[in-house]
PDB file of N, CA and C in Angstrom:
ATOM      1  N   UNK A   1      64.877 -74.973  28.704  1.00  0.00           N
ATOM      2  CA  UNK A   1      64.915 -76.391  29.818  1.00  0.00           C
ATOM      3  C   UNK A   1      66.302 -75.817  30.761  1.00  0.00           C
ATOM      4  N   UNK A   2      65.698 -75.377  32.350  1.00  0.00           N
ATOM      5  CA  UNK A   2      66.799 -74.783  32.782  1.00  0.00           C
ATOM      6  C   UNK A   2      68.219 -76.008  33.460  1.00  0.00           C
ATOM      7  N   UNK A   3      69.326 -74.905  33.248  1.00  0.00           N
ATOM      8  CA  UNK A   3      70.390 -75.441  33.677  1.00  0.00           C
ATOM      9  C   UNK A   3      71.235 -76.330  31.698  1.00  0.00           C
ATOM     10  N   UNK A   4      70.640 -76.063  30.894  1.00  0.00           N
ATOM     11  CA  UNK A   4      71.373 -76.360  29.640  1.00  0.00           C
ATOM     12  C   UNK A   4      72.281 -75.540  29.462  1.00  0.00           C
ATOM     13  N   UNK A   5      71.750 -74.011  29.751  1.00  0.00           N
ATOM     14  CA  UNK A   5      72.913 -73.394  29.132  1.00  0.00           C
ATOM     15  C   UNK A   5      74.311 -73.263  29.736  1.00  0.00           C
ATOM     16  N   UNK A   6      74.474 -73.689  31.032  1.00  0.00           N
ATOM     17  CA  UNK A   6      75.367 -73.921  31.986  1.00  0.00           C
ATOM     18  C   UNK A   6      76.853 -75.152  31.462  1.00  0.00           C
ATOM     19  N   UNK A   7      75.442 -76.474  30.773  1.00  0.00           N
ATOM     20  CA  UNK A   7      76.069 -77.621  30.332  1.00  0.00           C
ATOM     21  C   UNK A   7      76.474 -77.166  29.072  1.00  0.00           C
ATOM     22  N   UNK A   8      75.599 -76.337  27.627  1.00  0.00           N
ATOM     23  CA  UNK A   8      76.715 -75.999  26.798  1.00  0.00           C
ATOM     24  C   UNK A   8      77.539 -74.703  27.030  1.00  0.00           C
ATOM     25  N   UNK A   9      77.666 -73.952  27.859  1.00  0.00           N
ATOM     26  CA  UNK A   9      78.923 -73.443  28.510  1.00  0.00           C
ATOM     27  C   UNK A   9      79.841 -74.016  28.650  1.00  0.00           C
ATOM     28  N   UNK A  10      79.876 -75.354  29.463  1.00  0.00           N
ATOM     29  CA  UNK A  10      81.122 -76.280  29.784  1.00  0.00           C
ATOM     30  C   UNK A  10      81.976 -77.001  28.575  1.00  0.00           C
ATOM     31  N   UNK A  11      80.664 -77.390  27.417  1.00  0.00           N
ATOM     32  CA  UNK A  11      80.840 -78.199  26.163  1.00  0.00           C
ATOM     33  C   UNK A  11      81.762 -77.095  25.615  1.00  0.00           C
ATOM     34  N   UNK A  12      81.215 -75.743  25.671  1.00  0.00           N
ATOM     35  CA  UNK A  12      81.984 -75.129  24.610  1.00  0.00           C
ATOM     36  C   UNK A  12      83.883 -75.094  25.184  1.00  0.00           C
ATOM     37  N   UNK A  13      83.295 -74.877  26.478  1.00  0.00           N
ATOM     38  CA  UNK A  13      84.830 -74.809  27.076  1.00  0.00           C
ATOM     39  C   UNK A  13      85.637 -75.256  27.089  1.00  0.00           C
ATOM     40  N   UNK A  14      85.518 -76.782  26.818  1.00  0.00           N
ATOM     41  CA  UNK A  14      85.944 -78.064  26.807  1.00  0.00           C
ATOM     42  C   UNK A  14      86.080 -78.463  25.055  1.00  0.00           C
ATOM     43  N   UNK A  15      85.466 -77.676  24.538  1.00  0.00           N
ATOM     44  CA  UNK A  15      85.475 -77.387  22.536  1.00  0.00           C
ATOM     45  C   UNK A  15      87.352 -76.919  22.532  1.00  0.00           C
ATOM     46  N   UNK A  16      87.206 -75.576  23.509  1.00  0.00           N
ATOM     47  CA  UNK A  16      87.784 -74.264  23.234  1.00  0.00           C
ATOM     48  C   UNK A  16      88.890 -75.034  23.941  1.00  0.00           C
ATOM     49  N   UNK A  17      89.498 -75.378  25.007  1.00  0.00           N
ATOM     50  CA  UNK A  17      90.500 -76.377  25.673  1.00  0.00           C
ATOM     51  C   UNK A  17      90.741 -77.152  24.370  1.00  0.00           C
ATOM     52  N   UNK A  18      90.507 -78.395  23.598  1.00  0.00           N
ATOM     53  CA  UNK A  18      90.944 -78.745  22.607  1.00  0.00           C
ATOM     54  C   UNK A  18      91.178 -77.683  21.636  1.00  0.00           C
ATOM     55  N   UNK A  19      90.557 -77.203  21.155  1.00  0.00           N
ATOM     56  CA  UNK A  19      91.315 -76.452  19.812  1.00  0.00           C
ATOM     57  C   UNK A  19      92.865 -75.677  20.402  1.00  0.00           C
ATOM     58  N   UNK A  20      92.700 -75.106  21.527  1.00  0.00           N
ATOM     59  CA  UNK A  20      93.982 -74.367  21.940  1.00  0.00           C
ATOM     60  C   UNK A  20      95.220 -75.544  22.068  1.00  0.00           C
ATOM     61  N   UNK A  21      94.814 -76.492  22.645  1.00  0.00           N
ATOM     62  CA  UNK A  21      95.611 -77.828  22.430  1.00  0.00           C
ATOM     63  C   UNK A  21      96.396 -78.628  20.644  1.00  0.00           C
ATOM     64  N   UNK A  22      95.505 -78.182  20.119  1.00  0.00           N
ATOM     65  CA  UNK A  22      95.414 -78.345  18.958  1.00  0.00           C
ATOM     66  C   UNK A  22      96.654 -77.101  18.563  1.00  0.00           C
ATOM     67  N   UNK A  23      96.312 -76.301  18.578  1.00  0.00           N
ATOM     68  CA  UNK A  23      97.132 -75.840  17.931  1.00  0.00           C
ATOM     69  C   UNK A  23      98.669 -75.219  18.722  1.00  0.00           C
ATOM     70  N   UNK A  24      98.543 -75.254  19.567  1.00  0.00           N
ATOM     71  CA  UNK A  24      99.945 -75.514  20.238  1.00  0.00           C
ATOM     72  C   UNK A  24     100.640 -76.581  19.872  1.00  0.00           C
ATOM     73  N   UNK A  25     100.284 -77.999  19.795  1.00  0.00           N
ATOM     74  CA  UNK A  25     100.844 -78.776  19.140  1.00  0.00           C
ATOM     75  C   UNK A  25     101.574 -78.604  17.973  1.00  0.00           C
ATOM     76  N   UNK A  26     100.993 -77.579  17.202  1.00  0.00           N
ATOM     77  CA  UNK A  26     101.453 -76.971  15.815  1.00  0.00           C
ATOM     78  C   UNK A  26     102.808 -76.068  15.972  1.00  0.00           C
ATOM     79  N   UNK A  27     103.040 -75.701  17.294  1.00  0.00           N
ATOM     80  CA  UNK A  27     103.926 -74.875  17.178  1.00  0.00           C
ATOM     81  C   UNK A  27     105.677 -75.423  17.795  1.00  0.00           C
ATOM     82  N   UNK A  28     106.304 -74.647  17.345  1.00  0.00           N
ATOM     83  CA  UNK A  28     107.706 -75.227  17.412  1.00  0.00           C
ATOM     84  C   UNK A  28     107.900 -75.279  19.239  1.00  0.00           C
ATOM     85  N   UNK A  29     108.290 -76.343  19.448  1.00  0.00           N
ATOM     86  CA  UNK A  29     108.535 -76.873  20.591  1.00  0.00           C
ATOM     87  C   UNK A  29     109.066 -75.358  21.695  1.00  0.00           C
ATOM     88  N   UNK A  30     110.354 -74.337  21.311  1.00  0.00           N
ATOM     89  CA  UNK A  30     110.461 -73.369  22.155  1.00  0.00           C
ATOM     90  C   UNK A  30     109.673 -72.300  22.076  1.00  0.00           C
ATOM     91  N   UNK A  31     108.516 -72.028  20.885  1.00  0.00           N
ATOM     92  CA  UNK A  31     107.897 -71.098  21.364  1.00  0.00           C
ATOM     93  C   UNK A  31     106.659 -72.072  22.048  1.00  0.00           C
ATOM     94  N   UNK A  32     106.453 -73.318  21.860  1.00  0.00           N
ATOM     95  CA  UNK A  32     105.275 -73.242  22.724  1.00  0.00           C
ATOM     96  C   UNK A  32     105.676 -73.547  24.646  1.00  0.00           C
ATOM     97  N   UNK A  33     106.668 -73.705  24.676  1.00  0.00           N
ATOM     98  CA  UNK A  33     106.988 -73.705  25.333  1.00  0.00           C
ATOM     99  C   UNK A  33     106.749 -72.200  26.238  1.00  0.00           C
ATOM    100  N   UNK A  34     107.460 -72.165  25.568  1.00  0.00           N
ATOM    101  CA  UNK A  34     107.748 -69.765  26.060  1.00  0.00           C
ATOM    102  C   UNK A  34     106.285 -69.771  26.361  1.00  0.00           C
ATOM    103  N   UNK A  35     105.234 -69.807  25.240  1.00  0.00           N
ATOM    104  CA  UNK A  35     103.618 -69.773  25.630  1.00  0.00           C
ATOM    105  C   UNK A  35     103.694 -70.044  26.651  1.00  0.00           C
ATOM    106  N   UNK A  36     103.471 -71.345  27.030  1.00  0.00           N
ATOM    107  CA  UNK A  36     103.079 -72.060  28.642  1.00  0.00           C
ATOM    108  C   UNK A  36     103.339 -71.662  29.577  1.00  0.00           C
ATOM    109  N   UNK A  37     104.743 -71.032  29.615  1.00  0.00           N
ATOM    110  CA  UNK A  37     105.465 -70.793  30.345  1.00  0.00           C
ATOM    111  C   UNK A  37     104.788 -69.053  31.308  1.00  0.00           C
ATOM    112  N   UNK A  38     104.561 -68.731  29.752  1.00  0.00           N
ATOM    113  CA  UNK A  38     103.812 -67.041  29.659  1.00  0.00           C
ATOM    114  C   UNK A  38     102.080 -66.988  30.757  1.00  0.00           C
ATOM    115  N   UNK A  39     101.454 -67.981  29.772  1.00  0.00           N
ATOM    116  CA  UNK A  39     100.185 -68.076  30.094  1.00  0.00           C
ATOM    117  C   UNK A  39      99.712 -68.755  30.623  1.00  0.00           C
ATOM    118  N   UNK A  40     100.175 -70.093  31.245  1.00  0.00           N
ATOM    119  CA  UNK A  40      99.923 -71.474  31.633  1.00  0.00           C
ATOM    120  C   UNK A  40     101.044 -71.266  33.366  1.00  0.00           C
ATOM    121  N   UNK A  41     101.952 -71.070  33.501  1.00  0.00           N
ATOM    122  CA  UNK A  41     102.444 -70.669  34.695  1.00  0.00           C
ATOM    123  C   UNK A  41     102.995 -69.717  35.082  1.00  0.00           C
ATOM    124  N   UNK A  42     102.111 -68.381  34.436  1.00  0.00           N
ATOM    125  CA  UNK A  42     102.045 -67.279  34.380  1.00  0.00           C
ATOM    126  C   UNK A  42     103.701 -65.978  34.934  1.00  0.00           C
ATOM    127  N   UNK A  43     104.890 -66.893  34.082  1.00  0.00           N
ATOM    128  CA  UNK A  43     105.961 -66.241  34.610  1.00  0.00           C
ATOM    129  C   UNK A  43     105.877 -65.169  33.531  1.00  0.00           C
ATOM    130  N   UNK A  44     107.006 -63.826  34.025  1.00  0.00           N
ATOM    131  CA  UNK A  44     107.292 -62.868  33.549  1.00  0.00           C
ATOM    132  C   UNK A  44     108.364 -63.162  32.046  1.00  0.00           C
ATOM    133  N   UNK A  45     108.190 -61.970  31.440  1.00  0.00           N
ATOM    134  CA  UNK A  45     108.800 -61.736  30.149  1.00  0.00           C
ATOM    135  C   UNK A  45     110.101 -62.203  30.724  1.00  0.00           C
ATOM    136  N   UNK A  46     110.819 -61.619  31.761  1.00  0.00           N
ATOM    137  CA  UNK A  46     112.212 -61.607  32.383  1.00  0.00           C
ATOM    138  C   UNK A  46     112.466 -62.645  32.811  1.00  0.00           C
ATOM    139  N   UNK A  47     111.584 -63.045  33.375  1.00  0.00           N
ATOM    140  CA  UNK A  47     111.806 -64.804  33.902  1.00  0.00           C
ATOM    141  C   UNK A  47     112.096 -65.992  32.576  1.00  0.00           C
ATOM    142  N   UNK A  48     111.256 -65.411  32.024  1.00  0.00           N
ATOM    143  CA  UNK A  48     111.497 -66.262  30.156  1.00  0.00           C
ATOM    144  C   UNK A  48     112.515 -66.038  29.924  1.00  0.00           C
ATOM    145  N   UNK A  49     112.970 -64.983  29.660  1.00  0.00           N
ATOM    146  CA  UNK A  49     113.833 -64.660  29.143  1.00  0.00           C
ATOM    147  C   UNK A  49     114.972 -65.108  29.812  1.00  0.00           C
ATOM    148  N   UNK A  50     115.769 -64.715  31.208  1.00  0.00           N
ATOM    149  CA  UNK A  50     116.534 -65.696  31.487  1.00  0.00           C
ATOM    150  C   UNK A  50     116.899 -67.249  31.369  1.00  0.00           C
ATOM    151  N   UNK A  51     115.208 -67.760  31.747  1.00  0.00           N
ATOM    152  CA  UNK A  51     114.832 -69.486  31.476  1.00  0.00           C
ATOM    153  C   UNK A  51     115.656 -70.069  29.887  1.00  0.00           C
ATOM    154  N   UNK A  52     115.770 -69.190  28.772  1.00  0.00           N
ATOM    155  CA  UNK A  52     115.790 -69.439  27.571  1.00  0.00           C
ATOM    156  C   UNK A  52     117.158 -68.829  26.939  1.00  0.00           C
ATOM    157  N   UNK A  53     117.639 -68.051  27.485  1.00  0.00           N
ATOM    158  CA  UNK A  53     119.467 -67.362  26.814  1.00  0.00           C
ATOM    159  C   UNK A  53     118.691 -66.608  26.274  1.00  0.00           C
ATOM    160  N   UNK A  54     117.988 -65.362  26.577  1.00  0.00           N
ATOM    161  CA  UNK A  54     117.620 -64.629  25.239  1.00  0.00           C
ATOM    162  C   UNK A  54     117.157 -63.469  25.627  1.00  0.00           C
ATOM    163  N   UNK A  55     116.811 -62.124  25.124  1.00  0.00           N
ATOM    164  CA  UNK A  55     116.401 -60.980  25.283  1.00  0.00           C
ATOM    165  C   UNK A  55     114.922 -61.136  25.602  1.00  0.00           C
ATOM    166  N   UNK A  56     114.658 -60.267  26.720  1.00  0.00           N
ATOM    167  CA  UNK A  56     113.061 -59.998  26.622  1.00  0.00           C
ATOM    168  C   UNK A  56     112.402 -59.390  25.637  1.00  0.00           C
ATOM    169  N   UNK A  57     113.029 -58.604  24.562  1.00  0.00           N
ATOM    170  CA  UNK A  57     112.071 -57.877  23.562  1.00  0.00           C
ATOM    171  C   UNK A  57     112.151 -58.957  22.625  1.00  0.00           C
ATOM    172  N   UNK A  58     112.908 -60.508  22.618  1.00  0.00           N
ATOM    173  CA  UNK A  58     112.849 -61.679  21.640  1.00  0.00           C
ATOM    174  C   UNK A  58     111.346 -62.395  21.931  1.00  0.00           C
ATOM    175  N   UNK A  59     111.837 -62.787  23.932  1.00  0.00           N
ATOM    176  CA  UNK A  59     110.798 -63.034  24.099  1.00  0.00           C
ATOM    177  C   UNK A  59     109.527 -62.366  23.972  1.00  0.00           C
ATOM    178  N   UNK A  60     109.409 -60.795  23.919  1.00  0.00           N
ATOM    179  CA  UNK A  60     108.170 -60.870  23.619  1.00  0.00           C
ATOM    180  C   UNK A  60     107.292 -60.588  22.288  1.00  0.00           C
ATOM    181  N   UNK A  61     108.375 -60.836  21.338  1.00  0.00           N
ATOM    182  CA  UNK A  61     108.061 -60.889  20.362  1.00  0.00           C
ATOM    183  C   UNK A  61     107.173 -62.454  19.893  1.00  0.00           C
ATOM    184  N   UNK A  62     108.008 -63.572  20.339  1.00  0.00           N
ATOM    185  CA  UNK A  62     107.718 -64.378  20.135  1.00  0.00           C
ATOM    186  C   UNK A  62     106.014 -65.001  20.934  1.00  0.00           C
ATOM    187  N   UNK A  63     106.192 -64.363  21.624  1.00  0.00           N
ATOM    188  CA  UNK A  63     104.526 -64.241  22.484  1.00  0.00           C
ATOM    189  C   UNK A  63     103.701 -63.599  21.777  1.00  0.00           C
ATOM    190  N   UNK A  64     104.187 -62.156  21.196  1.00  0.00           N
ATOM    191  CA  UNK A  64     103.148 -61.471  20.235  1.00  0.00           C
ATOM    192  C   UNK A  64     102.686 -62.198  18.724  1.00  0.00           C
ATOM    193  N   UNK A  65     103.760 -62.459  18.196  1.00  0.00           N
ATOM    194  CA  UNK A  65     103.429 -63.733  16.893  1.00  0.00           C
ATOM    195  C   UNK A  65     102.481 -64.876  17.293  1.00  0.00           C
ATOM    196  N   UNK A  66     103.077 -65.187  18.465  1.00  0.00           N
ATOM    197  CA  UNK A  66     101.949 -66.751  18.651  1.00  0.00           C
ATOM    198  C   UNK A  66     100.298 -66.346  19.120  1.00  0.00           C
ATOM    199  N   UNK A  67     100.279 -65.170  19.635  1.00  0.00           N
ATOM    200  CA  UNK A  67      98.952 -64.979  20.145  1.00  0.00           C
ATOM    201  C   UNK A  67      98.401 -64.396  18.982  1.00  0.00           C
ATOM    202  N   UNK A  68      98.895 -63.643  17.901  1.00  0.00           N
ATOM    203  CA  UNK A  68      98.390 -63.248  16.810  1.00  0.00           C
ATOM    204  C   UNK A  68      98.099 -64.879  15.567  1.00  0.00           C
ATOM    205  N   UNK A  69      98.748 -65.581  16.202  1.00  0.00           N
ATOM    206  CA  UNK A  69      99.105 -67.352  15.702  1.00  0.00           C
ATOM    207  C   UNK A  69      97.709 -67.632  15.784  1.00  0.00           C
ATOM    208  N   UNK A  70      97.216 -67.720  17.056  1.00  0.00           N
ATOM    209  CA  UNK A  70      96.170 -68.312  18.244  1.00  0.00           C
ATOM    210  C   UNK A  70      95.147 -67.714  17.595  1.00  0.00           C
ATOM    211  N   UNK A  71      94.823 -66.551  17.250  1.00  0.00           N
ATOM    212  CA  UNK A  71      93.576 -66.160  16.767  1.00  0.00           C
ATOM    213  C   UNK A  71      93.382 -66.300  15.492  1.00  0.00           C
ATOM    214  N   UNK A  72      94.102 -66.329  14.847  1.00  0.00           N
ATOM    215  CA  UNK A  72      93.960 -66.586  13.708  1.00  0.00           C
ATOM    216  C   UNK A  72      92.938 -68.134  13.456  1.00  0.00           C
ATOM    217  N   UNK A  73      94.186 -68.655  13.963  1.00  0.00           N
ATOM    218  CA  UNK A  73      93.744 -70.038  14.642  1.00  0.00           C
ATOM    219  C   UNK A  73      91.997 -70.601  14.738  1.00  0.00           C
ATOM    220  N   UNK A  74      91.944 -69.744  15.931  1.00  0.00           N
ATOM    221  CA  UNK A  74      90.642 -70.032  16.727  1.00  0.00           C
ATOM    222  C   UNK A  74      89.572 -69.275  16.260  1.00  0.00           C
ATOM    223  N   UNK A  75      90.156 -68.159  15.270  1.00  0.00           N
ATOM    224  CA  UNK A  75      88.937 -67.644  13.962  1.00  0.00           C
ATOM    225  C   UNK A  75      88.574 -68.759  12.972  1.00  0.00           C
ATOM    226  N   UNK A  76      89.330 -69.449  12.613  1.00  0.00           N
ATOM    227  CA  UNK A  76      89.542 -70.410  11.184  1.00  0.00           C
ATOM    228  C   UNK A  76      88.702 -71.419  11.825  1.00  0.00           C
ATOM    229  N   UNK A  77      88.859 -71.829  13.575  1.00  0.00           N
ATOM    230  CA  UNK A  77      87.917 -72.864  13.534  1.00  0.00           C
ATOM    231  C   UNK A  77      86.126 -72.645  14.167  1.00  0.00           C
ATOM    232  N   UNK A  78      86.023 -71.257  13.822  1.00  0.00           N
ATOM    233  CA  UNK A  78      84.738 -70.383  13.903  1.00  0.00           C
ATOM    234  C   UNK A  78      84.737 -69.878  15.269  1.00  0.00           C
ATOM    235  N   UNK A  79      85.239 -69.771  16.387  1.00  0.00           N
ATOM    236  CA  UNK A  79      85.262 -68.968  17.747  1.00  0.00           C
ATOM    237  C   UNK A  79      85.174 -67.840  17.122  1.00  0.00           C
ATOM    238  N   UNK A  80      84.735 -66.915  17.783  1.00  0.00           N
ATOM    239  CA  UNK A  80      84.989 -65.307  17.447  1.00  0.00           C
ATOM    240  C   UNK A  80      84.966 -64.551  18.422  1.00  0.00           C
ATOM    241  N   UNK A  81      86.283 -63.547  18.256  1.00  0.00           N
ATOM    242  CA  UNK A  81      87.231 -63.399  19.358  1.00  0.00           C
ATOM    243  C   UNK A  81      86.971 -61.475  19.296  1.00  0.00           C
TER     244      UNK A  81
END
């Protein structure tokens, strides 16, 4: 049926957004805020480190660990990355 692929893609995108939100709810507040500032508000690590009063390397470690946890979570939920 023409157009069903687009509908499927939209539904899959909504499900993925829901899964990411659920994952973010599992994070400690600071880690969630750092992740959001980096990937949703597109702040660089220097700006985030200044905002939270921590070293840039600490921010980068938190982001790296959070990405790894997100990948694991999404894999568990049936998403293949």
